[in-house]
Amino acid sequence: MLLVLLILIPLIAGIVSFAWKNSSVKVWALLSTLASSALAVMAFYAQKQGMIRFDAPWIPSLGANFSLNADGMAAVLALLTAIIYLIIFIAQWNKPLADFHRFVGLMLLSQAGITGVFLANDLLLFYFFWELALVPVYFLASTWGGEKRIPVTFKFFIYTFLGSMMMLAAIIYLYLHTDNLSFDYYSIVQAGQALGAGKQQVLFWFVFIAFAVKMPIFPFHTWQPDTYEQAAMPVTIVLSAVMVKMGLFATFKWLIPVLPQGVDFWSNAVMILCIIGIIYASILAMVQNDLKRLVAYSSIAHVGLMCLALFAQTDIANDGVMIQMFNHGINITGMWILVAMIEHRYHTRNMKELGGIATVAPVMVIALVIIAFANIALPLTNAFVGEFMLFHGIFQSANPHHILYMVLAGTGIVFGAVYTLKMVQRVAYGELANNTTVVDVKANEVIGLTIIIALILIIGVYPDIIFGIVG
């Protein structure tokens, strides 16, 4: 029941939150995420003894079961999801929001859906959770955020809805080609692999586009910068730290093994799209003055590198993607929290109007420097090992252009160092651009940032804390 509770606790807590209209709902949210985090840690460690599974009938007439499992990557991402939501509610503790009980309810429902995506071992159940995660995030993004949030969120919804409809068509097609009319993972894998090469090549795009939109990778990314900019900060964190991992994880589990001939035929095209996205997003990040848009474009570049490594189809690349998904989720959460802290204190995200923060908020700047260094994969930070493994995996790829692809993807690392260090210099150092006295960091922010920095340093020094458990 451990896996079921990982989904049930945020689901039930979210539903209860809608009726909880006083300020104590924040305590309820924090207790819920603490319980989820404890269970995720238990599942993470229990996975070392073997895959944790749960199976029960769901819709027998359709051959669908409520089937969950926690293999290595699923356990890592379930843990990441629980940690991120815990950090969000800690960071949000002293920041009022209108209709906070509705906000908490929708956030917890999205947590249940995202966790379900990572644990589902039945294709119909996977699709159910995929959509369950989208619906509350749509309402979160359209209710709380900037002035342009409604049209921007509508664009995000259209992208994801069309992708989901294409995926649903592929799911039905695969289901009808199973021997026993079942949505079971192994039945779907067998049915997909039994299809002819031509059918797999067509079906590939029906599945991959849904995942590519969620990551997102070029050219399916255009919804992302505007949505990240307009959404409230907790929603932006959910979108960038955990929801993008749904696309990467689904590609690893539900695309590459199911349609191998389609993947082999189109992998070169996808790798080219990933490289274009890495370079394109990095260049755009370099010219940004808005902190939110800079971080948004940097996320596109990082996810593009992980997707590139997935289609390299080597064991070390897959391991690198696993640890880098966790690391990216932690690092990007830290960046968004710091952006929110700066915006809240200075009422601007424009770097031209910032500067000299180190003189009035030294603790905030120390956290900014550490998290920024982790974001560019400095040695002894968590992202270094994962990024090294990604490039090593791309180098080992059987693709005839693997060296060229590795070099081109490496330009994203160079650009990343340029725009990140430039951002730190413009925001933290130089002359104080605003003479207003500001509070450095508050107690709840210290707790959230401490968790993030601790994970950055511990995994950076001892990455086997993840590999030794799930490897």
Protein backbone atom coordinates (compact mmCIF):
# COMPACT_ATOMS: atom_id res chain seq x y z
CA MET A 1 0.00 0.00 0.00
CA LEU A 2 3.04 2.30 0.16
CA LEU A 3 2.66 3.35 -3.48
CA VAL A 4 -1.10 3.82 -3.15
CA LEU A 5 -0.59 6.10 -0.15
CA LEU A 6 1.86 8.23 -2.13
CA ILE A 7 -1.08 9.10 -4.39
CA LEU A 8 -3.94 8.95 -1.89
CA ILE A 9 -2.48 11.32 0.71
CA PRO A 10 -2.19 14.38 -1.57
CA LEU A 11 -5.43 13.43 -3.33
CA ILE A 12 -7.50 13.27 -0.13
CA ALA A 13 -5.68 16.22 1.44
CA GLY A 14 -6.34 18.27 -1.67
CA ILE A 15 -10.06 17.49 -1.69
CA VAL A 16 -10.35 18.34 2.03
CA SER A 17 -8.50 21.63 1.48
CA PHE A 18 -11.30 23.03 -0.70
CA ALA A 19 -13.57 23.11 2.35
CA TRP A 20 -10.91 24.46 4.73
CA LYS A 21 -11.30 28.23 4.56
CA ASN A 22 -9.18 29.45 7.46
CA SER A 23 -5.47 30.15 7.62
CA SER A 24 -4.65 26.80 9.24
CA VAL A 25 -4.94 25.18 5.81
CA LYS A 26 -1.24 26.00 5.35
CA VAL A 27 -0.48 23.69 8.29
CA TRP A 28 -2.61 20.99 6.66
CA ALA A 29 -0.71 21.41 3.39
CA LEU A 30 2.66 21.23 5.13
CA LEU A 31 1.70 18.10 7.11
CA SER A 32 0.43 16.46 3.93
CA THR A 33 3.65 17.11 2.03
CA LEU A 34 5.73 16.01 5.03
CA ALA A 35 3.84 12.71 5.10
CA SER A 36 4.27 12.31 1.33
CA SER A 37 7.99 13.02 1.62
CA ALA A 38 8.40 10.44 4.39
CA LEU A 39 6.59 7.81 2.31
CA ALA A 40 8.64 8.71 -0.78
CA VAL A 41 11.87 8.27 1.18
CA MET A 42 10.63 4.86 2.39
CA ALA A 43 9.79 3.81 -1.16
CA PHE A 44 13.15 5.13 -2.36
CA TYR A 45 15.07 2.98 0.11
CA ALA A 46 12.73 -0.04 -0.17
CA GLN A 47 13.35 -0.13 -3.93
CA LYS A 48 16.87 -1.35 -3.22
CA GLN A 49 15.36 -4.68 -2.21
CA GLY A 50 13.53 -4.98 -5.54
CA MET A 51 10.74 -3.31 -7.51
CA ILE A 52 7.80 -2.31 -5.31
CA ARG A 53 4.47 -3.14 -6.95
CA PHE A 54 0.76 -2.84 -6.35
CA ASP A 55 -1.92 -4.43 -8.52
CA ALA A 56 -5.70 -4.35 -8.20
CA PRO A 57 -8.61 -4.58 -10.65
CA TRP A 58 -9.71 -1.21 -12.00
CA ILE A 59 -11.79 -1.57 -15.18
CA PRO A 60 -11.75 -5.33 -15.84
CA SER A 61 -14.06 -5.06 -18.86
CA LEU A 62 -11.36 -3.00 -20.63
CA GLY A 63 -8.42 -4.99 -19.36
CA ALA A 64 -7.22 -2.04 -17.23
CA ASN A 65 -5.76 -2.52 -13.76
CA PHE A 66 -4.75 -0.13 -11.02
CA SER A 67 -1.15 -1.21 -11.43
CA LEU A 68 1.71 0.73 -9.84
CA ASN A 69 5.41 0.05 -9.60
CA ALA A 70 8.48 1.88 -8.36
CA ASP A 71 11.57 0.91 -10.32
CA GLY A 72 14.71 3.03 -10.05
CA MET A 73 13.68 6.06 -12.12
CA ALA A 74 10.09 6.08 -10.84
CA ALA A 75 11.30 5.98 -7.22
CA VAL A 76 13.69 8.88 -7.83
CA LEU A 77 11.00 11.02 -9.48
CA ALA A 78 8.36 10.22 -6.86
CA LEU A 79 10.87 11.37 -4.24
CA LEU A 80 11.65 14.51 -6.24
CA THR A 81 7.94 15.35 -6.52
CA ALA A 82 7.38 15.00 -2.77
CA ILE A 83 10.45 17.12 -1.93
CA ILE A 84 9.54 19.89 -4.38
CA TYR A 85 5.99 20.24 -3.04
CA LEU A 86 7.32 20.30 0.53
CA ILE A 87 9.76 23.09 -0.38
CA ILE A 88 7.01 25.02 -2.19
CA PHE A 89 4.73 25.08 0.85
CA ILE A 90 7.64 26.01 3.15
CA ALA A 91 8.65 28.89 0.86
CA GLN A 92 5.02 30.01 0.49
CA TRP A 93 4.35 30.01 4.25
CA ASN A 94 4.40 33.79 4.79
CA LYS A 95 3.24 34.87 1.32
CA PRO A 96 -0.54 35.45 1.21
CA LEU A 97 -2.61 34.38 -1.77
CA ALA A 98 -6.30 34.99 -2.42
CA ASP A 99 -8.46 31.88 -1.88
CA PHE A 100 -5.48 30.07 -0.41
CA HIS A 101 -7.56 26.98 0.42
CA ARG A 102 -8.39 26.54 -3.29
CA PHE A 103 -4.75 27.06 -4.16
CA VAL A 104 -3.68 24.36 -1.70
CA GLY A 105 -6.37 21.98 -2.95
CA LEU A 106 -5.35 22.34 -6.59
CA MET A 107 -1.66 22.05 -5.76
CA LEU A 108 -2.16 18.81 -3.85
CA LEU A 109 -4.36 17.36 -6.60
CA SER A 110 -1.61 18.12 -9.11
CA GLN A 111 0.88 16.37 -6.84
CA ALA A 112 -1.32 13.26 -6.80
CA GLY A 113 -1.57 13.29 -10.60
CA ILE A 114 2.16 13.79 -11.20
CA THR A 115 3.11 11.07 -8.71
CA GLY A 116 0.64 8.74 -10.42
CA VAL A 117 2.27 9.36 -13.80
CA PHE A 118 5.62 8.19 -12.43
CA LEU A 119 4.21 5.10 -10.72
CA ALA A 120 1.59 3.87 -13.23
CA ASN A 121 2.34 0.50 -14.84
CA ASP A 122 -0.88 0.36 -16.85
CA LEU A 123 -1.13 2.53 -19.97
CA LEU A 124 -4.72 3.64 -19.40
CA LEU A 125 -3.92 4.45 -15.77
CA PHE A 126 -0.87 6.38 -16.96
CA TYR A 127 -3.09 8.43 -19.29
CA PHE A 128 -5.60 9.02 -16.48
CA PHE A 129 -2.91 10.47 -14.22
CA TRP A 130 -1.39 12.41 -17.12
CA GLU A 131 -4.68 14.28 -17.54
CA LEU A 132 -5.31 14.50 -13.78
CA ALA A 133 -2.05 16.40 -13.42
CA LEU A 134 -2.95 18.83 -16.22
CA VAL A 135 -6.41 19.94 -15.02
CA PRO A 136 -5.47 21.45 -11.62
CA VAL A 137 -2.35 23.07 -13.11
CA TYR A 138 -4.53 24.75 -15.73
CA PHE A 139 -6.72 26.30 -13.02
CA LEU A 140 -3.68 27.23 -10.92
CA ALA A 141 -2.01 29.01 -13.83
CA SER A 142 -5.17 30.79 -14.97
CA THR A 143 -6.29 31.93 -11.48
CA TRP A 144 -3.07 33.13 -9.85
CA GLY A 145 -0.39 35.03 -11.76
CA GLY A 146 0.21 37.99 -14.05
CA GLU A 147 -2.20 40.09 -16.06
CA LYS A 148 -1.79 38.00 -19.22
CA ARG A 149 -2.19 34.67 -17.44
CA ILE A 150 -5.52 33.68 -19.04
CA PRO A 151 -4.54 33.84 -22.75
CA VAL A 152 -1.11 32.40 -21.94
CA THR A 153 -2.62 29.51 -19.98
CA PHE A 154 -5.11 28.88 -22.77
CA LYS A 155 -2.19 28.49 -25.18
CA PHE A 156 -0.55 26.05 -22.77
CA PHE A 157 -3.79 24.09 -22.47
CA ILE A 158 -4.27 23.88 -26.26
CA TYR A 159 -0.72 22.59 -26.77
CA THR A 160 -1.03 19.93 -24.09
CA PHE A 161 -4.62 18.99 -24.97
CA LEU A 162 -3.81 18.39 -28.65
CA GLY A 163 -0.75 16.37 -27.65
CA SER A 164 -2.87 14.31 -25.26
CA MET A 165 -5.47 13.61 -27.95
CA MET A 166 -2.77 12.33 -30.30
CA MET A 167 -1.39 10.14 -27.54
CA LEU A 168 -4.86 8.79 -26.75
CA ALA A 169 -5.28 7.73 -30.39
CA ALA A 170 -1.96 5.88 -30.19
CA ILE A 171 -2.96 4.26 -26.89
CA ILE A 172 -6.20 2.91 -28.37
CA TYR A 173 -4.34 1.62 -31.43
CA LEU A 174 -1.76 -0.20 -29.30
CA TYR A 175 -4.47 -1.59 -27.01
CA LEU A 176 -6.36 -3.06 -29.98
CA HIS A 177 -3.17 -4.80 -31.10
CA THR A 178 -2.47 -6.53 -27.79
CA ASP A 179 -3.07 -10.29 -27.70
CA ASN A 180 -5.33 -10.09 -24.64
CA LEU A 181 -6.85 -6.58 -25.03
CA SER A 182 -4.93 -5.28 -22.04
CA PHE A 183 -3.33 -2.00 -21.04
CA ASP A 184 -0.69 -3.84 -18.98
CA TYR A 185 2.81 -2.47 -19.56
CA TYR A 186 4.30 -5.71 -20.85
CA SER A 187 1.32 -6.36 -23.14
CA ILE A 188 1.69 -2.85 -24.61
CA VAL A 189 5.43 -3.30 -25.11
CA GLN A 190 4.86 -6.61 -26.87
CA ALA A 191 2.12 -5.15 -29.08
CA GLY A 192 4.21 -2.14 -30.04
CA GLN A 193 7.29 -4.15 -30.87
CA ALA A 194 5.22 -6.54 -33.02
CA LEU A 195 4.09 -3.71 -35.32
CA GLY A 196 5.80 -3.25 -38.66
CA ALA A 197 8.49 -0.61 -39.07
CA GLY A 198 6.22 1.72 -41.06
CA LYS A 199 3.45 1.67 -38.45
CA GLN A 200 5.94 2.28 -35.65
CA GLN A 201 7.39 5.26 -37.51
CA VAL A 202 3.95 6.87 -37.85
CA LEU A 203 2.85 6.00 -34.32
CA PHE A 204 6.09 7.43 -32.95
CA TRP A 205 4.97 11.02 -33.59
CA PHE A 206 1.52 10.47 -32.12
CA VAL A 207 3.19 9.52 -28.86
CA PHE A 208 6.30 11.68 -28.94
CA ILE A 209 4.57 15.01 -29.64
CA ALA A 210 2.59 14.70 -26.40
CA PHE A 211 5.81 14.12 -24.48
CA ALA A 212 7.76 16.78 -26.40
CA VAL A 213 5.15 19.43 -25.53
CA LYS A 214 5.39 18.56 -21.86
CA MET A 215 9.22 18.73 -21.71
CA PRO A 216 9.20 21.01 -23.85
CA ILE A 217 11.70 20.73 -26.71
CA PHE A 218 12.02 22.81 -29.87
CA PRO A 219 9.71 23.54 -31.72
CA PHE A 220 7.01 22.51 -29.21
CA HIS A 221 8.29 24.94 -26.57
CA THR A 222 6.61 28.23 -27.47
CA TRP A 223 4.04 28.01 -24.67
CA GLN A 224 6.74 27.70 -22.02
CA PRO A 225 8.45 31.11 -21.52
CA ASP A 226 5.17 33.05 -21.41
CA THR A 227 3.53 30.52 -19.08
CA TYR A 228 6.51 30.49 -16.71
CA GLU A 229 6.55 34.30 -16.70
CA GLN A 230 2.83 34.77 -16.05
CA ALA A 231 2.17 31.93 -13.59
CA ALA A 232 2.48 32.39 -9.84
CA MET A 233 5.87 31.25 -8.60
CA PRO A 234 4.69 27.97 -6.95
CA VAL A 235 2.96 27.01 -10.21
CA THR A 236 6.07 27.86 -12.24
CA ILE A 237 8.08 25.60 -9.94
CA VAL A 238 5.62 22.73 -10.47
CA LEU A 239 5.75 23.20 -14.24
CA SER A 240 9.53 23.40 -14.52
CA ALA A 241 10.75 21.18 -11.69
CA VAL A 242 8.41 18.18 -11.98
CA MET A 243 5.96 18.39 -14.88
CA VAL A 244 8.71 18.56 -17.52
CA LYS A 245 10.03 15.30 -16.05
CA MET A 246 6.74 13.65 -17.00
CA GLY A 247 7.69 14.03 -20.67
CA LEU A 248 11.23 12.73 -20.19
CA PHE A 249 10.13 9.83 -18.01
CA ALA A 250 7.30 8.87 -20.38
CA THR A 251 9.72 8.86 -23.31
CA PHE A 252 12.00 6.51 -21.41
CA LYS A 253 9.24 4.15 -20.28
CA TRP A 254 6.39 4.37 -22.78
CA LEU A 255 8.05 5.30 -26.07
CA ILE A 256 11.56 3.90 -26.47
CA PRO A 257 10.73 0.30 -25.39
CA VAL A 258 7.30 0.23 -27.08
CA LEU A 259 8.23 1.54 -30.56
CA PRO A 260 11.93 0.67 -30.97
CA GLN A 261 11.94 0.72 -34.77
CA GLY A 262 10.16 4.06 -34.82
CA VAL A 263 12.69 5.41 -32.31
CA ASP A 264 15.63 4.13 -34.36
CA PHE A 265 14.23 5.72 -37.53
CA TRP A 266 13.45 9.12 -35.99
CA SER A 267 16.12 9.39 -33.27
CA ASN A 268 18.47 11.42 -35.47
CA ALA A 269 15.71 13.93 -36.25
CA VAL A 270 14.83 14.27 -32.56
CA MET A 271 18.48 14.71 -31.59
CA ILE A 272 18.80 17.53 -34.15
CA LEU A 273 15.69 19.22 -32.69
CA CYS A 274 17.20 18.91 -29.21
CA ILE A 275 20.47 20.53 -30.32
CA ILE A 276 18.63 23.37 -32.05
CA GLY A 277 16.63 23.90 -28.87
CA ILE A 278 19.74 23.91 -26.66
CA ILE A 279 21.55 26.53 -28.76
CA TYR A 280 18.42 28.59 -29.52
CA ALA A 281 17.27 28.74 -25.88
CA SER A 282 20.78 29.50 -24.62
CA ILE A 283 21.19 32.42 -27.02
CA LEU A 284 17.79 33.82 -26.02
CA ALA A 285 18.70 33.45 -22.34
CA MET A 286 21.87 35.49 -22.93
CA VAL A 287 19.92 38.52 -24.15
CA GLN A 288 17.20 38.54 -21.48
CA ASN A 289 16.82 41.27 -18.89
CA ASP A 290 13.83 39.63 -17.18
CA LEU A 291 14.98 37.12 -14.56
CA LYS A 292 11.99 34.84 -15.07
CA ARG A 293 12.46 34.57 -18.81
CA LEU A 294 16.19 33.95 -18.40
CA VAL A 295 15.54 31.01 -16.06
CA ALA A 296 12.74 29.76 -18.35
CA TYR A 297 15.02 29.62 -21.40
CA SER A 298 17.81 28.02 -19.37
CA SER A 299 15.36 25.26 -18.43
CA ILE A 300 14.61 24.57 -22.12
CA ALA A 301 18.35 24.15 -22.74
CA HIS A 302 18.83 21.77 -19.79
CA VAL A 303 15.84 19.61 -20.71
CA GLY A 304 16.97 19.55 -24.34
CA LEU A 305 20.28 18.05 -23.25
CA MET A 306 18.50 15.35 -21.24
CA CYS A 307 16.24 14.49 -24.18
CA LEU A 308 19.29 14.34 -26.48
CA ALA A 309 20.92 11.87 -24.11
CA LEU A 310 17.78 9.71 -23.96
CA PHE A 311 17.85 9.25 -27.74
CA ALA A 312 21.55 8.40 -27.59
CA GLN A 313 20.22 5.10 -26.16
CA THR A 314 23.19 4.10 -24.01
CA ASP A 315 23.11 2.80 -20.45
CA ILE A 316 25.29 5.57 -19.05
CA ALA A 317 23.14 8.20 -20.76
CA ASN A 318 20.01 6.70 -19.21
CA ASP A 319 21.62 6.73 -15.76
CA GLY A 320 22.72 10.31 -16.36
CA VAL A 321 19.19 11.34 -17.30
CA MET A 322 17.86 9.73 -14.15
CA ILE A 323 20.14 11.64 -11.78
CA GLN A 324 19.98 14.83 -13.84
CA MET A 325 16.17 14.91 -13.74
CA PHE A 326 16.41 14.89 -9.96
CA ASN A 327 19.20 17.48 -9.90
CA HIS A 328 17.53 19.81 -12.39
CA GLY A 329 14.33 19.70 -10.33
CA ILE A 330 16.20 20.74 -7.19
CA ASN A 331 18.32 23.43 -8.87
CA ILE A 332 15.54 25.05 -10.88
CA THR A 333 13.37 25.19 -7.75
CA GLY A 334 16.15 27.08 -5.99
CA MET A 335 16.46 29.51 -8.87
CA TRP A 336 12.72 30.21 -8.93
CA ILE A 337 12.57 30.74 -5.17
CA LEU A 338 15.40 33.27 -5.37
CA VAL A 339 13.77 35.06 -8.31
CA ALA A 340 10.56 35.29 -6.26
CA MET A 341 12.47 36.63 -3.25
CA ILE A 342 14.15 39.31 -5.37
CA GLU A 343 10.90 40.30 -7.08
CA HIS A 344 9.00 40.43 -3.78
CA ARG A 345 11.59 42.73 -2.20
CA TYR A 346 12.44 44.98 -5.14
CA HIS A 347 9.15 44.78 -7.08
CA THR A 348 10.99 44.14 -10.33
CA ARG A 349 12.56 41.29 -12.28
CA ASN A 350 14.41 43.60 -14.65
CA MET A 351 18.16 43.14 -14.14
CA LYS A 352 18.74 46.71 -15.36
CA GLU A 353 16.95 47.90 -12.21
CA LEU A 354 18.84 45.59 -9.85
CA GLY A 355 22.37 45.46 -8.53
CA GLY A 356 24.41 45.46 -5.35
CA ILE A 357 22.09 43.08 -3.48
CA ALA A 358 25.13 41.54 -1.77
CA THR A 359 25.55 44.68 0.32
CA VAL A 360 22.06 44.48 1.83
CA ALA A 361 21.16 40.79 1.58
CA PRO A 362 24.39 38.76 1.82
CA VAL A 363 22.74 35.47 2.81
CA MET A 364 20.43 35.64 -0.21
CA VAL A 365 23.42 36.23 -2.48
CA ILE A 366 25.37 33.32 -0.99
CA ALA A 367 22.41 31.07 -1.80
CA LEU A 368 22.16 32.60 -5.29
CA VAL A 369 25.83 31.94 -6.02
CA ILE A 370 25.70 28.31 -4.83
CA ILE A 371 22.50 27.50 -6.74
CA ALA A 372 23.71 29.36 -9.86
CA PHE A 373 26.97 27.37 -9.79
CA ALA A 374 24.95 24.17 -9.48
CA ASN A 375 22.84 25.29 -12.43
CA ILE A 376 25.97 25.44 -14.61
CA ALA A 377 27.24 22.09 -13.26
CA LEU A 378 30.30 23.32 -11.39
CA PRO A 379 32.34 20.38 -9.97
CA LEU A 380 31.30 19.40 -6.43
CA THR A 381 27.73 20.43 -7.15
CA ASN A 382 24.98 17.91 -7.89
CA ALA A 383 24.61 18.66 -11.61
CA PHE A 384 28.27 17.99 -12.45
CA VAL A 385 28.09 14.20 -12.24
CA GLY A 386 24.81 13.99 -14.14
CA GLU A 387 25.97 16.33 -16.91
CA PHE A 388 29.25 14.43 -17.27
CA MET A 389 27.30 11.19 -17.67
CA LEU A 390 24.98 12.77 -20.25
CA PHE A 391 27.91 13.81 -22.44
CA HIS A 392 29.66 10.49 -21.90
CA GLY A 393 26.49 8.69 -22.98
CA ILE A 394 26.12 10.85 -26.09
CA PHE A 395 29.79 10.15 -26.93
CA GLN A 396 29.13 6.39 -26.72
CA SER A 397 26.05 6.59 -28.95
CA ALA A 398 25.91 4.47 -32.11
CA ASN A 399 24.71 7.54 -34.00
CA PRO A 400 27.29 8.31 -36.75
CA HIS A 401 27.22 12.02 -35.82
CA HIS A 402 27.62 11.49 -32.07
CA ILE A 403 30.85 13.52 -31.79
CA LEU A 404 29.36 16.48 -33.65
CA TYR A 405 26.21 16.32 -31.53
CA MET A 406 28.24 16.23 -28.32
CA VAL A 407 30.28 19.27 -29.40
CA LEU A 408 27.21 21.26 -30.44
CA ALA A 409 25.40 20.39 -27.22
CA GLY A 410 28.51 21.47 -25.34
CA THR A 411 28.07 25.00 -26.63
CA GLY A 412 24.99 25.15 -24.44
CA ILE A 413 27.24 24.60 -21.41
CA VAL A 414 29.46 27.51 -22.46
CA PHE A 415 26.47 29.78 -23.10
CA GLY A 416 24.95 28.65 -19.80
CA ALA A 417 28.02 29.78 -17.88
CA VAL A 418 27.96 33.13 -19.68
CA TYR A 419 24.34 34.06 -19.00
CA THR A 420 24.29 32.63 -15.47
CA LEU A 421 27.45 34.36 -14.29
CA LYS A 422 26.35 37.56 -16.02
CA MET A 423 23.04 37.36 -14.17
CA VAL A 424 24.77 36.88 -10.80
CA GLN A 425 27.10 39.80 -11.47
CA ARG A 426 24.30 42.15 -12.55
CA VAL A 427 21.96 41.25 -9.70
CA ALA A 428 24.27 40.69 -6.76
CA TYR A 429 27.27 42.94 -7.28
CA GLY A 430 28.16 46.40 -8.53
CA GLU A 431 26.45 49.55 -7.30
CA LEU A 432 23.28 49.27 -5.26
CA ALA A 433 20.52 50.07 -7.74
CA ASN A 434 17.83 50.51 -5.11
CA ASN A 435 18.48 52.29 -1.82
CA THR A 436 15.45 50.74 -0.12
CA THR A 437 16.31 48.69 2.97
CA VAL A 438 15.21 45.09 2.48
CA VAL A 439 14.94 42.04 4.68
CA ASP A 440 17.60 39.49 3.79
CA VAL A 441 15.96 36.06 4.22
CA LYS A 442 13.13 34.97 6.49
CA ALA A 443 13.02 31.80 8.56
CA ASN A 444 10.85 29.78 6.17
CA GLU A 445 13.03 30.84 3.22
CA VAL A 446 16.13 29.76 5.13
CA ILE A 447 14.59 26.30 5.64
CA GLY A 448 13.64 25.90 1.98
CA LEU A 449 16.99 27.12 0.67
CA THR A 450 18.88 24.98 3.22
CA ILE A 451 17.16 21.83 1.94
CA ILE A 452 18.05 22.74 -1.64
CA ILE A 453 21.68 23.65 -0.91
CA ALA A 454 22.16 20.55 1.25
CA LEU A 455 20.97 18.33 -1.62
CA ILE A 456 23.21 20.21 -4.08
CA LEU A 457 26.31 19.66 -1.97
CA ILE A 458 25.58 16.13 -0.71
CA ILE A 459 24.80 14.73 -4.17
CA GLY A 460 27.69 16.72 -5.64
CA VAL A 461 30.17 15.13 -3.25
CA TYR A 462 28.51 11.70 -2.93
CA PRO A 463 26.24 10.94 -5.93
CA ASP A 464 26.18 7.25 -5.00
CA ILE A 465 23.47 8.17 -2.47
CA ILE A 466 21.17 7.87 -5.49
CA PHE A 467 23.02 5.37 -7.68
CA GLY A 468 23.74 3.00 -4.79
CA ILE A 469 20.02 2.70 -4.04
CA VAL A 470 18.42 2.53 -7.45
CA GLY A 471 21.32 1.18 -9.48
